[in-house]
Amino acid sequence: MHTQFPNQLTAGLTAGSRSVAGMVGRRLLAAALCLVVVGCSGGTNAATPAPAQATDTQGKYRLVFELPRTDWRTSDSITGHATLSLVGSGGADFGASGEGPLAFGFDEVDGNRHVGWTMTADCKNYHLDAGQPMSAPIKKSGGYSADAAPYDFNRWFMTDPLVHLPAADWTITAIASLVDGSYCSGASYTLKAAVLVHVTA
């Protein structure tokens, strides 16, 4: 690397200063090559996984489902959360299951493994204010046959304290099931927001 200096500065350089300038130049060149060739200090070229989001809006209610990424491994505990919010201003009373208005379903794409969502039939009153949403992490609902074999998918999935899925493409769906008004007396809404994920071994 050659660096052009003004003539008066070049003429005034001593042997020592030339040595320092050359050393600095070599270090700059080495740093530039390091960045171009290997990224320096073990840096990685892998892109940061992009989060995924799905939304459903019905009436004055909005459901947003978010996952930190769409590519997972079978050993990963899949995470994400659903958020129910109010569109516009003010507040709203609604009724939903005593377990809460949010649930999740898991469906294998082009396969026969499915875990539906269930909620208790009781009605509990809830309230939403604009700007103060309700959220829930991914959770399981449903059940499995008590006499199912240990390798039965539903039994395996429901008895795992975390959310693991076998290798395949899966649709994970967040559901908000609610009834407008107090004591489940108004219009019913079932909002669904689905994200497609890819799970590898």
N, C-alpha and C. Protein backbone atom coordinates (compact mmCIF):
# COMPACT_ATOMS: atom_id res chain seq x y z
N MET A 1 0.86 -1.19 0.00
CA MET A 1 0.00 0.00 0.00
C MET A 1 0.90 1.24 0.00
N HIS A 2 0.68 2.15 -0.95
CA HIS A 2 1.45 3.39 -1.02
C HIS A 2 0.55 4.54 -0.64
N THR A 3 1.02 5.35 0.30
CA THR A 3 0.24 6.51 0.74
C THR A 3 0.94 7.77 0.29
N GLN A 4 0.29 8.61 -0.47
CA GLN A 4 0.88 9.84 -0.98
C GLN A 4 0.80 10.93 0.08
N PHE A 5 1.97 11.46 0.48
CA PHE A 5 2.02 12.55 1.44
C PHE A 5 2.41 13.83 0.70
N PRO A 6 2.03 14.98 1.23
CA PRO A 6 2.51 16.24 0.64
C PRO A 6 4.04 16.28 0.68
N ASN A 7 4.65 16.97 -0.31
CA ASN A 7 6.10 17.00 -0.44
C ASN A 7 6.81 17.49 0.82
N GLN A 8 6.29 18.57 1.45
CA GLN A 8 6.99 19.11 2.61
C GLN A 8 6.98 18.13 3.78
N LEU A 9 5.91 17.30 3.91
CA LEU A 9 5.88 16.31 4.96
C LEU A 9 6.81 15.15 4.64
N THR A 10 6.85 14.74 3.38
CA THR A 10 7.71 13.65 2.97
C THR A 10 9.17 14.00 3.19
N ALA A 11 9.55 15.23 2.83
CA ALA A 11 10.93 15.66 2.97
C ALA A 11 11.36 15.70 4.42
N GLY A 12 10.44 15.95 5.32
CA GLY A 12 10.79 16.10 6.72
C GLY A 12 10.78 14.82 7.51
N LEU A 13 10.41 13.70 6.89
CA LEU A 13 10.36 12.44 7.62
C LEU A 13 11.76 11.94 7.96
N THR A 14 11.96 11.58 9.19
CA THR A 14 13.21 10.94 9.58
C THR A 14 13.08 9.45 9.35
N ALA A 15 14.18 8.76 9.50
CA ALA A 15 14.15 7.30 9.32
C ALA A 15 13.19 6.68 10.32
N GLY A 16 13.16 7.20 11.55
CA GLY A 16 12.27 6.64 12.57
C GLY A 16 10.82 6.86 12.23
N SER A 17 10.50 8.06 11.76
CA SER A 17 9.10 8.33 11.43
C SER A 17 8.66 7.55 10.22
N ARG A 18 9.59 7.31 9.27
CA ARG A 18 9.25 6.47 8.12
C ARG A 18 8.90 5.05 8.59
N SER A 19 9.67 4.59 9.56
CA SER A 19 9.43 3.25 10.09
C SER A 19 8.06 3.16 10.74
N VAL A 20 7.69 4.20 11.54
CA VAL A 20 6.37 4.22 12.17
C VAL A 20 5.27 4.27 11.14
N ALA A 21 5.46 5.15 10.13
CA ALA A 21 4.43 5.27 9.09
C ALA A 21 4.25 3.96 8.35
N GLY A 22 5.40 3.29 8.05
CA GLY A 22 5.31 2.01 7.35
C GLY A 22 4.61 0.97 8.19
N MET A 23 4.89 0.97 9.51
CA MET A 23 4.26 0.00 10.40
C MET A 23 2.76 0.23 10.46
N VAL A 24 2.33 1.51 10.57
CA VAL A 24 0.91 1.83 10.59
C VAL A 24 0.24 1.41 9.29
N GLY A 25 0.92 1.68 8.19
CA GLY A 25 0.36 1.30 6.89
C GLY A 25 0.18 -0.20 6.78
N ARG A 26 1.20 -0.96 7.25
CA ARG A 26 1.09 -2.42 7.19
C ARG A 26 -0.05 -2.93 8.06
N ARG A 27 -0.23 -2.30 9.23
CA ARG A 27 -1.31 -2.72 10.11
C ARG A 27 -2.67 -2.43 9.49
N LEU A 28 -2.78 -1.26 8.86
CA LEU A 28 -4.06 -0.93 8.19
C LEU A 28 -4.34 -1.91 7.06
N LEU A 29 -3.30 -2.25 6.28
CA LEU A 29 -3.49 -3.20 5.20
C LEU A 29 -3.89 -4.57 5.74
N ALA A 30 -3.20 -5.00 6.82
CA ALA A 30 -3.54 -6.30 7.41
C ALA A 30 -4.96 -6.32 7.94
N ALA A 31 -5.38 -5.22 8.57
CA ALA A 31 -6.75 -5.15 9.10
C ALA A 31 -7.76 -5.23 7.97
N ALA A 32 -7.48 -4.52 6.87
CA ALA A 32 -8.41 -4.54 5.74
C ALA A 32 -8.51 -5.94 5.15
N LEU A 33 -7.34 -6.62 4.98
CA LEU A 33 -7.38 -7.98 4.45
C LEU A 33 -8.10 -8.93 5.39
N CYS A 34 -7.88 -8.74 6.68
CA CYS A 34 -8.54 -9.58 7.67
C CYS A 34 -10.04 -9.47 7.55
N LEU A 35 -10.54 -8.24 7.40
CA LEU A 35 -11.98 -8.02 7.29
C LEU A 35 -12.53 -8.63 6.02
N VAL A 36 -11.78 -8.51 4.92
CA VAL A 36 -12.27 -9.01 3.63
C VAL A 36 -12.26 -10.53 3.58
N VAL A 37 -11.16 -11.14 4.08
CA VAL A 37 -10.98 -12.57 3.90
C VAL A 37 -11.69 -13.40 4.95
N VAL A 38 -11.52 -13.09 6.24
CA VAL A 38 -12.06 -13.97 7.27
C VAL A 38 -12.99 -13.30 8.24
N GLY A 39 -13.17 -12.01 8.17
CA GLY A 39 -14.09 -11.35 9.07
C GLY A 39 -13.51 -11.06 10.43
N CYS A 40 -12.23 -11.48 10.68
CA CYS A 40 -11.52 -11.17 11.93
C CYS A 40 -12.18 -11.75 13.18
N SER A 41 -11.38 -12.24 14.06
CA SER A 41 -11.80 -12.68 15.41
C SER A 41 -12.96 -13.66 15.39
N GLY A 42 -12.98 -14.55 14.42
CA GLY A 42 -13.99 -15.61 14.43
C GLY A 42 -15.39 -15.13 14.10
N GLY A 43 -15.53 -13.98 13.42
CA GLY A 43 -16.85 -13.49 13.07
C GLY A 43 -17.57 -14.46 12.17
N THR A 44 -18.88 -14.42 12.16
CA THR A 44 -19.66 -15.34 11.33
C THR A 44 -20.38 -14.58 10.23
N ASN A 45 -20.55 -15.26 9.10
CA ASN A 45 -21.27 -14.66 7.97
C ASN A 45 -22.74 -15.04 7.99
N ALA A 46 -23.15 -15.84 8.96
CA ALA A 46 -24.55 -16.28 9.01
C ALA A 46 -25.46 -15.10 9.31
N ALA A 47 -26.54 -15.02 8.56
CA ALA A 47 -27.49 -13.93 8.77
C ALA A 47 -28.29 -14.19 10.05
N THR A 48 -28.65 -13.12 10.72
CA THR A 48 -29.47 -13.23 11.91
C THR A 48 -30.88 -13.66 11.50
N PRO A 49 -31.41 -14.71 12.13
CA PRO A 49 -32.76 -15.17 11.75
C PRO A 49 -33.78 -14.04 11.90
N ALA A 50 -34.64 -13.94 10.92
CA ALA A 50 -35.67 -12.90 10.96
C ALA A 50 -36.88 -13.41 11.73
N PRO A 51 -37.45 -12.58 12.59
CA PRO A 51 -38.66 -13.00 13.31
C PRO A 51 -39.84 -13.12 12.34
N ALA A 52 -40.82 -13.90 12.74
CA ALA A 52 -42.02 -14.09 11.93
C ALA A 52 -43.23 -13.56 12.69
N GLN A 53 -44.18 -13.03 11.95
CA GLN A 53 -45.37 -12.46 12.58
C GLN A 53 -46.60 -12.70 11.71
N ALA A 54 -47.70 -12.99 12.36
CA ALA A 54 -49.00 -13.14 11.68
C ALA A 54 -50.04 -12.37 12.48
N THR A 55 -51.03 -11.83 11.76
CA THR A 55 -52.03 -10.98 12.40
C THR A 55 -53.42 -11.31 11.89
N ASP A 56 -54.40 -11.22 12.79
CA ASP A 56 -55.81 -11.34 12.41
C ASP A 56 -56.58 -10.26 13.17
N THR A 57 -57.45 -9.56 12.47
CA THR A 57 -58.27 -8.51 13.09
C THR A 57 -59.73 -8.77 12.78
N GLN A 58 -60.54 -8.77 13.83
CA GLN A 58 -61.99 -8.92 13.67
C GLN A 58 -62.67 -7.92 14.59
N GLY A 59 -63.55 -7.11 14.01
CA GLY A 59 -64.23 -6.09 14.81
C GLY A 59 -63.21 -5.19 15.47
N LYS A 60 -63.30 -5.03 16.77
CA LYS A 60 -62.38 -4.16 17.50
C LYS A 60 -61.22 -4.92 18.15
N TYR A 61 -61.07 -6.20 17.78
CA TYR A 61 -60.02 -7.01 18.38
C TYR A 61 -58.94 -7.37 17.36
N ARG A 62 -57.69 -7.37 17.82
CA ARG A 62 -56.57 -7.74 16.96
C ARG A 62 -55.69 -8.76 17.67
N LEU A 63 -55.34 -9.83 16.93
CA LEU A 63 -54.46 -10.87 17.44
C LEU A 63 -53.16 -10.83 16.65
N VAL A 64 -52.04 -10.77 17.34
CA VAL A 64 -50.72 -10.80 16.71
C VAL A 64 -49.94 -11.97 17.29
N PHE A 65 -49.38 -12.80 16.41
CA PHE A 65 -48.60 -13.97 16.82
C PHE A 65 -47.18 -13.77 16.32
N GLU A 66 -46.21 -13.87 17.22
CA GLU A 66 -44.82 -13.62 16.86
C GLU A 66 -43.91 -14.76 17.33
N LEU A 67 -43.00 -15.16 16.44
CA LEU A 67 -41.95 -16.13 16.75
C LEU A 67 -40.61 -15.49 16.43
N PRO A 68 -39.56 -15.81 17.20
CA PRO A 68 -38.27 -15.20 16.93
C PRO A 68 -37.64 -15.66 15.62
N ARG A 69 -38.05 -16.82 15.11
CA ARG A 69 -37.55 -17.32 13.83
C ARG A 69 -38.48 -18.41 13.33
N THR A 70 -38.27 -18.85 12.09
CA THR A 70 -39.11 -19.90 11.52
C THR A 70 -38.36 -21.21 11.33
N ASP A 71 -37.04 -21.21 11.46
CA ASP A 71 -36.25 -22.43 11.33
C ASP A 71 -35.82 -22.91 12.71
N TRP A 72 -36.16 -24.17 13.02
CA TRP A 72 -35.87 -24.75 14.33
C TRP A 72 -35.28 -26.14 14.16
N ARG A 73 -34.68 -26.65 15.21
CA ARG A 73 -34.20 -28.03 15.23
C ARG A 73 -35.08 -28.83 16.21
N THR A 74 -35.05 -30.13 16.07
CA THR A 74 -35.88 -30.97 16.94
C THR A 74 -35.49 -30.82 18.41
N SER A 75 -34.25 -30.43 18.67
CA SER A 75 -33.79 -30.26 20.05
C SER A 75 -34.16 -28.89 20.62
N ASP A 76 -34.65 -27.98 19.79
CA ASP A 76 -35.00 -26.64 20.25
C ASP A 76 -36.35 -26.62 20.96
N SER A 77 -36.42 -25.82 22.00
CA SER A 77 -37.72 -25.52 22.60
C SER A 77 -38.29 -24.31 21.86
N ILE A 78 -39.36 -24.52 21.13
CA ILE A 78 -39.92 -23.47 20.30
C ILE A 78 -40.60 -22.43 21.18
N THR A 79 -40.27 -21.18 20.92
CA THR A 79 -40.82 -20.07 21.70
C THR A 79 -41.55 -19.09 20.80
N GLY A 80 -42.38 -18.29 21.41
CA GLY A 80 -43.16 -17.27 20.71
C GLY A 80 -44.27 -16.80 21.62
N HIS A 81 -45.01 -15.80 21.19
CA HIS A 81 -46.12 -15.34 22.02
C HIS A 81 -47.20 -14.71 21.17
N ALA A 82 -48.41 -14.76 21.70
CA ALA A 82 -49.57 -14.15 21.06
C ALA A 82 -50.03 -12.96 21.89
N THR A 83 -50.50 -11.94 21.21
CA THR A 83 -50.95 -10.72 21.89
C THR A 83 -52.32 -10.33 21.37
N LEU A 84 -53.26 -10.16 22.28
CA LEU A 84 -54.61 -9.71 21.95
C LEU A 84 -54.72 -8.25 22.37
N SER A 85 -55.11 -7.41 21.42
CA SER A 85 -55.21 -5.98 21.73
C SER A 85 -56.51 -5.42 21.17
N LEU A 86 -56.77 -4.19 21.57
CA LEU A 86 -57.98 -3.50 21.16
C LEU A 86 -57.63 -2.51 20.05
N VAL A 87 -58.42 -2.52 18.99
CA VAL A 87 -58.23 -1.58 17.90
C VAL A 87 -58.93 -0.26 18.26
N GLY A 88 -58.25 0.83 18.06
CA GLY A 88 -58.86 2.13 18.35
C GLY A 88 -58.63 2.55 19.79
N SER A 89 -59.55 3.32 20.31
CA SER A 89 -59.41 3.86 21.66
C SER A 89 -60.46 3.28 22.59
N GLY A 90 -60.37 3.67 23.86
CA GLY A 90 -61.36 3.22 24.83
C GLY A 90 -61.04 1.87 25.40
N GLY A 91 -62.09 1.17 25.83
CA GLY A 91 -61.94 -0.15 26.43
C GLY A 91 -63.07 -1.05 26.01
N ALA A 92 -62.95 -2.33 26.35
CA ALA A 92 -63.98 -3.30 25.98
C ALA A 92 -64.03 -4.43 27.00
N ASP A 93 -65.22 -4.86 27.36
CA ASP A 93 -65.43 -6.04 28.19
C ASP A 93 -65.73 -7.22 27.28
N PHE A 94 -65.19 -8.37 27.61
CA PHE A 94 -65.51 -9.57 26.84
C PHE A 94 -65.42 -10.79 27.76
N GLY A 95 -66.03 -11.86 27.30
CA GLY A 95 -65.99 -13.11 28.04
C GLY A 95 -65.17 -14.14 27.29
N ALA A 96 -64.54 -15.02 28.03
CA ALA A 96 -63.75 -16.11 27.42
C ALA A 96 -63.59 -17.21 28.45
N SER A 97 -62.93 -18.27 28.04
CA SER A 97 -62.68 -19.41 28.93
C SER A 97 -61.94 -18.95 30.19
N GLY A 98 -62.21 -19.65 31.27
CA GLY A 98 -61.50 -19.36 32.51
C GLY A 98 -60.00 -19.57 32.39
N GLU A 99 -59.56 -20.33 31.38
CA GLU A 99 -58.14 -20.54 31.13
C GLU A 99 -57.52 -19.35 30.40
N GLY A 100 -58.36 -18.42 29.97
CA GLY A 100 -57.88 -17.28 29.20
C GLY A 100 -58.34 -17.37 27.76
N PRO A 101 -58.28 -16.25 27.04
CA PRO A 101 -58.80 -16.24 25.68
C PRO A 101 -57.82 -16.77 24.63
N LEU A 102 -56.56 -17.07 25.01
CA LEU A 102 -55.54 -17.43 24.02
C LEU A 102 -55.17 -18.90 24.11
N ALA A 103 -55.04 -19.53 22.94
CA ALA A 103 -54.63 -20.93 22.85
C ALA A 103 -53.81 -21.11 21.58
N PHE A 104 -53.26 -22.33 21.39
CA PHE A 104 -52.38 -22.58 20.25
C PHE A 104 -52.65 -23.97 19.68
N GLY A 105 -52.54 -24.07 18.36
CA GLY A 105 -52.69 -25.35 17.68
C GLY A 105 -51.43 -25.66 16.88
N PHE A 106 -51.14 -26.96 16.69
CA PHE A 106 -49.93 -27.41 16.01
C PHE A 106 -50.34 -28.43 14.95
N ASP A 107 -50.03 -28.15 13.69
CA ASP A 107 -50.46 -29.01 12.60
C ASP A 107 -49.31 -29.29 11.65
N GLU A 108 -49.04 -30.57 11.44
CA GLU A 108 -48.00 -30.95 10.50
C GLU A 108 -48.50 -30.71 9.07
N VAL A 109 -47.68 -30.05 8.27
CA VAL A 109 -48.02 -29.79 6.87
C VAL A 109 -47.81 -31.08 6.08
N ASP A 110 -48.80 -31.48 5.31
CA ASP A 110 -48.73 -32.72 4.52
C ASP A 110 -48.47 -33.94 5.40
N GLY A 111 -49.00 -33.92 6.61
CA GLY A 111 -48.83 -35.05 7.52
C GLY A 111 -50.09 -35.26 8.33
N ASN A 112 -50.04 -36.24 9.23
CA ASN A 112 -51.24 -36.56 10.02
C ASN A 112 -51.06 -36.31 11.50
N ARG A 113 -50.04 -35.53 11.87
CA ARG A 113 -49.83 -35.22 13.28
C ARG A 113 -50.40 -33.83 13.57
N HIS A 114 -51.35 -33.80 14.47
CA HIS A 114 -52.05 -32.55 14.79
C HIS A 114 -52.36 -32.49 16.28
N VAL A 115 -52.21 -31.33 16.85
CA VAL A 115 -52.65 -31.09 18.23
C VAL A 115 -53.56 -29.88 18.19
N GLY A 116 -54.84 -30.12 18.36
CA GLY A 116 -55.81 -29.03 18.32
C GLY A 116 -55.80 -28.23 19.61
N TRP A 117 -56.56 -27.17 19.61
CA TRP A 117 -56.65 -26.32 20.79
C TRP A 117 -57.98 -26.57 21.49
N THR A 118 -57.94 -26.56 22.79
CA THR A 118 -59.16 -26.72 23.57
C THR A 118 -59.16 -25.69 24.69
N MET A 119 -60.36 -25.34 25.14
CA MET A 119 -60.53 -24.42 26.26
C MET A 119 -61.65 -24.92 27.14
N THR A 120 -61.59 -24.60 28.41
CA THR A 120 -62.69 -24.97 29.30
C THR A 120 -63.94 -24.18 28.90
N ALA A 121 -65.11 -24.76 29.17
CA ALA A 121 -66.37 -24.17 28.73
C ALA A 121 -66.89 -23.07 29.65
N ASP A 122 -66.21 -22.83 30.75
CA ASP A 122 -66.70 -21.78 31.65
C ASP A 122 -66.46 -20.40 31.04
N CYS A 123 -67.23 -19.43 31.51
CA CYS A 123 -67.11 -18.07 30.98
C CYS A 123 -66.62 -17.13 32.09
N LYS A 124 -65.50 -16.48 31.81
CA LYS A 124 -64.93 -15.52 32.74
C LYS A 124 -64.88 -14.15 32.08
N ASN A 125 -65.13 -13.10 32.86
CA ASN A 125 -65.10 -11.75 32.30
C ASN A 125 -63.68 -11.21 32.26
N TYR A 126 -63.37 -10.52 31.15
CA TYR A 126 -62.08 -9.88 30.95
C TYR A 126 -62.31 -8.45 30.46
N HIS A 127 -61.26 -7.66 30.55
CA HIS A 127 -61.36 -6.27 30.07
C HIS A 127 -60.08 -5.90 29.35
N LEU A 128 -60.23 -5.22 28.22
CA LEU A 128 -59.09 -4.71 27.46
C LEU A 128 -59.20 -3.20 27.35
N ASP A 129 -58.09 -2.52 27.53
CA ASP A 129 -58.01 -1.09 27.26
C ASP A 129 -57.05 -0.87 26.11
N ALA A 130 -57.32 0.15 25.30
CA ALA A 130 -56.43 0.48 24.20
C ALA A 130 -55.02 0.73 24.74
N GLY A 131 -54.03 0.14 24.09
CA GLY A 131 -52.65 0.31 24.52
C GLY A 131 -52.22 -0.58 25.66
N GLN A 132 -53.13 -1.45 26.14
CA GLN A 132 -52.79 -2.38 27.22
C GLN A 132 -53.21 -3.79 26.82
N PRO A 133 -52.44 -4.43 25.93
CA PRO A 133 -52.82 -5.75 25.40
C PRO A 133 -52.62 -6.87 26.42
N MET A 134 -53.19 -8.03 26.08
CA MET A 134 -52.99 -9.27 26.85
C MET A 134 -52.09 -10.17 26.02
N SER A 135 -51.12 -10.81 26.68
CA SER A 135 -50.19 -11.68 25.96
C SER A 135 -50.08 -13.04 26.65
N ALA A 136 -49.68 -14.03 25.86
CA ALA A 136 -49.43 -15.37 26.40
C ALA A 136 -48.35 -16.03 25.56
N PRO A 137 -47.41 -16.74 26.20
CA PRO A 137 -46.41 -17.50 25.45
C PRO A 137 -47.05 -18.74 24.84
N ILE A 138 -46.36 -19.32 23.86
CA ILE A 138 -46.84 -20.58 23.28
C ILE A 138 -47.07 -21.60 24.40
N LYS A 139 -48.23 -22.20 24.39
CA LYS A 139 -48.56 -23.22 25.38
C LYS A 139 -49.38 -24.30 24.71
N LYS A 140 -49.53 -25.41 25.41
CA LYS A 140 -50.25 -26.55 24.85
C LYS A 140 -51.63 -26.67 25.47
N SER A 141 -52.55 -27.14 24.67
CA SER A 141 -53.86 -27.51 25.19
C SER A 141 -54.28 -28.79 24.48
N GLY A 142 -55.27 -29.45 24.99
CA GLY A 142 -55.67 -30.72 24.39
C GLY A 142 -55.30 -31.87 25.31
N GLY A 143 -55.32 -33.05 24.76
CA GLY A 143 -55.04 -34.22 25.58
C GLY A 143 -54.59 -35.39 24.73
N TYR A 144 -54.50 -36.56 25.35
CA TYR A 144 -54.11 -37.77 24.65
C TYR A 144 -54.78 -38.95 25.34
N SER A 145 -54.86 -40.03 24.64
CA SER A 145 -55.48 -41.23 25.17
C SER A 145 -54.62 -41.81 26.29
N ALA A 146 -55.26 -42.14 27.39
CA ALA A 146 -54.54 -42.67 28.54
C ALA A 146 -53.85 -43.99 28.25
N ASP A 147 -54.37 -44.75 27.30
CA ASP A 147 -53.75 -46.04 26.98
C ASP A 147 -52.90 -45.97 25.71
N ALA A 148 -52.55 -44.76 25.29
CA ALA A 148 -51.72 -44.60 24.09
C ALA A 148 -50.31 -45.12 24.36
N ALA A 149 -49.68 -45.64 23.34
CA ALA A 149 -48.30 -46.13 23.46
C ALA A 149 -47.36 -44.95 23.74
N PRO A 150 -46.24 -45.21 24.41
CA PRO A 150 -45.31 -44.12 24.74
C PRO A 150 -44.82 -43.35 23.52
N TYR A 151 -44.75 -44.03 22.37
CA TYR A 151 -44.27 -43.36 21.16
C TYR A 151 -45.39 -42.62 20.41
N ASP A 152 -46.62 -42.71 20.89
CA ASP A 152 -47.73 -41.98 20.27
C ASP A 152 -47.43 -40.48 20.27
N PHE A 153 -47.58 -39.82 19.12
CA PHE A 153 -47.18 -38.42 19.02
C PHE A 153 -47.89 -37.54 20.03
N ASN A 154 -49.21 -37.68 20.15
CA ASN A 154 -49.95 -36.81 21.06
C ASN A 154 -49.49 -37.00 22.51
N ARG A 155 -49.28 -38.25 22.89
CA ARG A 155 -48.81 -38.51 24.26
C ARG A 155 -47.42 -37.91 24.46
N TRP A 156 -46.52 -38.15 23.50
CA TRP A 156 -45.15 -37.62 23.58
C TRP A 156 -45.17 -36.10 23.67
N PHE A 157 -45.96 -35.46 22.82
CA PHE A 157 -46.00 -34.00 22.77
C PHE A 157 -46.60 -33.40 24.04
N MET A 158 -47.72 -33.95 24.50
CA MET A 158 -48.41 -33.36 25.64
C MET A 158 -47.69 -33.60 26.96
N THR A 159 -46.88 -34.63 27.06
CA THR A 159 -46.17 -34.89 28.31
C THR A 159 -44.80 -34.21 28.35
N ASP A 160 -44.38 -33.62 27.27
CA ASP A 160 -43.13 -32.85 27.24
C ASP A 160 -43.41 -31.48 27.86
N PRO A 161 -42.66 -31.07 28.88
CA PRO A 161 -42.93 -29.77 29.50
C PRO A 161 -42.59 -28.59 28.60
N LEU A 162 -41.78 -28.83 27.57
CA LEU A 162 -41.43 -27.77 26.62
C LEU A 162 -42.11 -28.05 25.28
N VAL A 163 -41.95 -27.13 24.34
CA VAL A 163 -42.57 -27.30 23.02
C VAL A 163 -41.49 -27.75 22.04
N HIS A 164 -41.44 -29.07 21.80
CA HIS A 164 -40.56 -29.65 20.79
C HIS A 164 -41.45 -30.24 19.69
N LEU A 165 -40.96 -30.20 18.46
CA LEU A 165 -41.69 -30.80 17.35
C LEU A 165 -40.77 -31.69 16.54
N PRO A 166 -41.29 -32.78 15.97
CA PRO A 166 -40.48 -33.64 15.11
C PRO A 166 -40.11 -32.92 13.81
N ALA A 167 -39.11 -33.44 13.13
CA ALA A 167 -38.67 -32.85 11.87
C ALA A 167 -39.79 -32.89 10.84
N ALA A 168 -40.16 -31.73 10.35
CA ALA A 168 -41.22 -31.57 9.35
C ALA A 168 -41.52 -30.09 9.23
N ASP A 169 -42.39 -29.76 8.30
CA ASP A 169 -42.95 -28.42 8.25
C ASP A 169 -44.22 -28.40 9.08
N TRP A 170 -44.37 -27.38 9.91
CA TRP A 170 -45.49 -27.28 10.82
C TRP A 170 -46.14 -25.90 10.73
N THR A 171 -47.44 -25.88 10.89
CA THR A 171 -48.16 -24.62 11.06
C THR A 171 -48.53 -24.50 12.53
N ILE A 172 -48.03 -23.45 13.17
CA ILE A 172 -48.40 -23.16 14.54
C ILE A 172 -49.38 -21.99 14.51
N THR A 173 -50.53 -22.18 15.12
CA THR A 173 -51.59 -21.19 15.04
C THR A 173 -51.94 -20.67 16.42
N ALA A 174 -51.96 -19.36 16.55
CA ALA A 174 -52.45 -18.73 17.78
C ALA A 174 -53.94 -18.46 17.59
N ILE A 175 -54.72 -18.73 18.61
CA ILE A 175 -56.18 -18.55 18.55
C ILE A 175 -56.63 -17.68 19.70
N ALA A 176 -57.49 -16.73 19.41
CA ALA A 176 -58.16 -15.94 20.45
C ALA A 176 -59.65 -16.19 20.31
N SER A 177 -60.25 -16.82 21.30
CA SER A 177 -61.67 -17.14 21.27
C SER A 177 -62.36 -16.34 22.37
N LEU A 178 -63.31 -15.50 21.98
CA LEU A 178 -63.94 -14.62 22.96
C LEU A 178 -65.35 -14.24 22.53
N VAL A 179 -66.10 -13.72 23.49
CA VAL A 179 -67.46 -13.25 23.24
C VAL A 179 -67.55 -11.81 23.71
N ASP A 180 -67.95 -10.94 22.83
CA ASP A 180 -68.03 -9.52 23.15
C ASP A 180 -69.05 -9.28 24.26
N GLY A 181 -68.75 -8.33 25.14
CA GLY A 181 -69.67 -7.98 26.21
C GLY A 181 -69.44 -8.81 27.47
N SER A 182 -70.09 -8.43 28.53
CA SER A 182 -69.95 -9.13 29.81
C SER A 182 -70.72 -10.45 29.81
N TYR A 183 -70.20 -11.42 30.53
CA TYR A 183 -70.86 -12.71 30.74
C TYR A 183 -71.19 -13.42 29.43
N CYS A 184 -70.29 -13.29 28.45
CA CYS A 184 -70.43 -14.02 27.18
C CYS A 184 -71.81 -13.81 26.55
N SER A 185 -72.24 -12.56 26.51
CA SER A 185 -73.60 -12.28 26.06
C SER A 185 -73.69 -11.68 24.66
N GLY A 186 -72.54 -11.39 24.04
CA GLY A 186 -72.58 -10.71 22.74
C GLY A 186 -72.09 -11.57 21.59
N ALA A 187 -71.56 -10.88 20.58
CA ALA A 187 -71.08 -11.57 19.38
C ALA A 187 -69.81 -12.35 19.68
N SER A 188 -69.71 -13.53 19.05
CA SER A 188 -68.54 -14.38 19.25
C SER A 188 -67.48 -14.10 18.20
N TYR A 189 -66.23 -14.20 18.62
CA TYR A 189 -65.10 -14.01 17.71
C TYR A 189 -64.09 -15.14 17.93
N THR A 190 -63.56 -15.65 16.82
CA THR A 190 -62.44 -16.59 16.88
C THR A 190 -61.38 -16.08 15.91
N LEU A 191 -60.36 -15.46 16.46
CA LEU A 191 -59.27 -14.92 15.66
C LEU A 191 -58.16 -15.96 15.56
N LYS A 192 -57.57 -16.08 14.38
CA LYS A 192 -56.51 -17.06 14.17
C LYS A 192 -55.36 -16.41 13.40
N ALA A 193 -54.15 -16.62 13.91
CA ALA A 193 -52.94 -16.11 13.25
C ALA A 193 -51.94 -17.25 13.18
N ALA A 194 -51.54 -17.66 11.97
CA ALA A 194 -50.72 -18.86 11.78
C ALA A 194 -49.35 -18.51 11.22
N VAL A 195 -48.33 -19.23 11.70
CA VAL A 195 -46.96 -19.07 11.20
C VAL A 195 -46.45 -20.45 10.80
N LEU A 196 -45.85 -20.53 9.62
CA LEU A 196 -45.26 -21.78 9.12
C LEU A 196 -43.82 -21.88 9.61
N VAL A 197 -43.47 -23.01 10.24
CA VAL A 197 -42.10 -23.23 10.70
C VAL A 197 -41.54 -24.50 10.09
N HIS A 198 -40.21 -24.52 9.97
CA HIS A 198 -39.51 -25.68 9.42
C HIS A 198 -38.63 -26.26 10.51
N VAL A 199 -38.82 -27.54 10.83
CA VAL A 199 -38.06 -28.20 11.89
C VAL A 199 -37.18 -29.29 11.27
N THR A 200 -35.90 -29.24 11.59
CA THR A 200 -34.95 -30.24 11.08
C THR A 200 -34.32 -31.00 12.24
N ALA A 201 -33.83 -32.19 11.94
CA ALA A 201 -33.23 -33.03 12.97
C ALA A 201 -31.89 -32.47 13.44
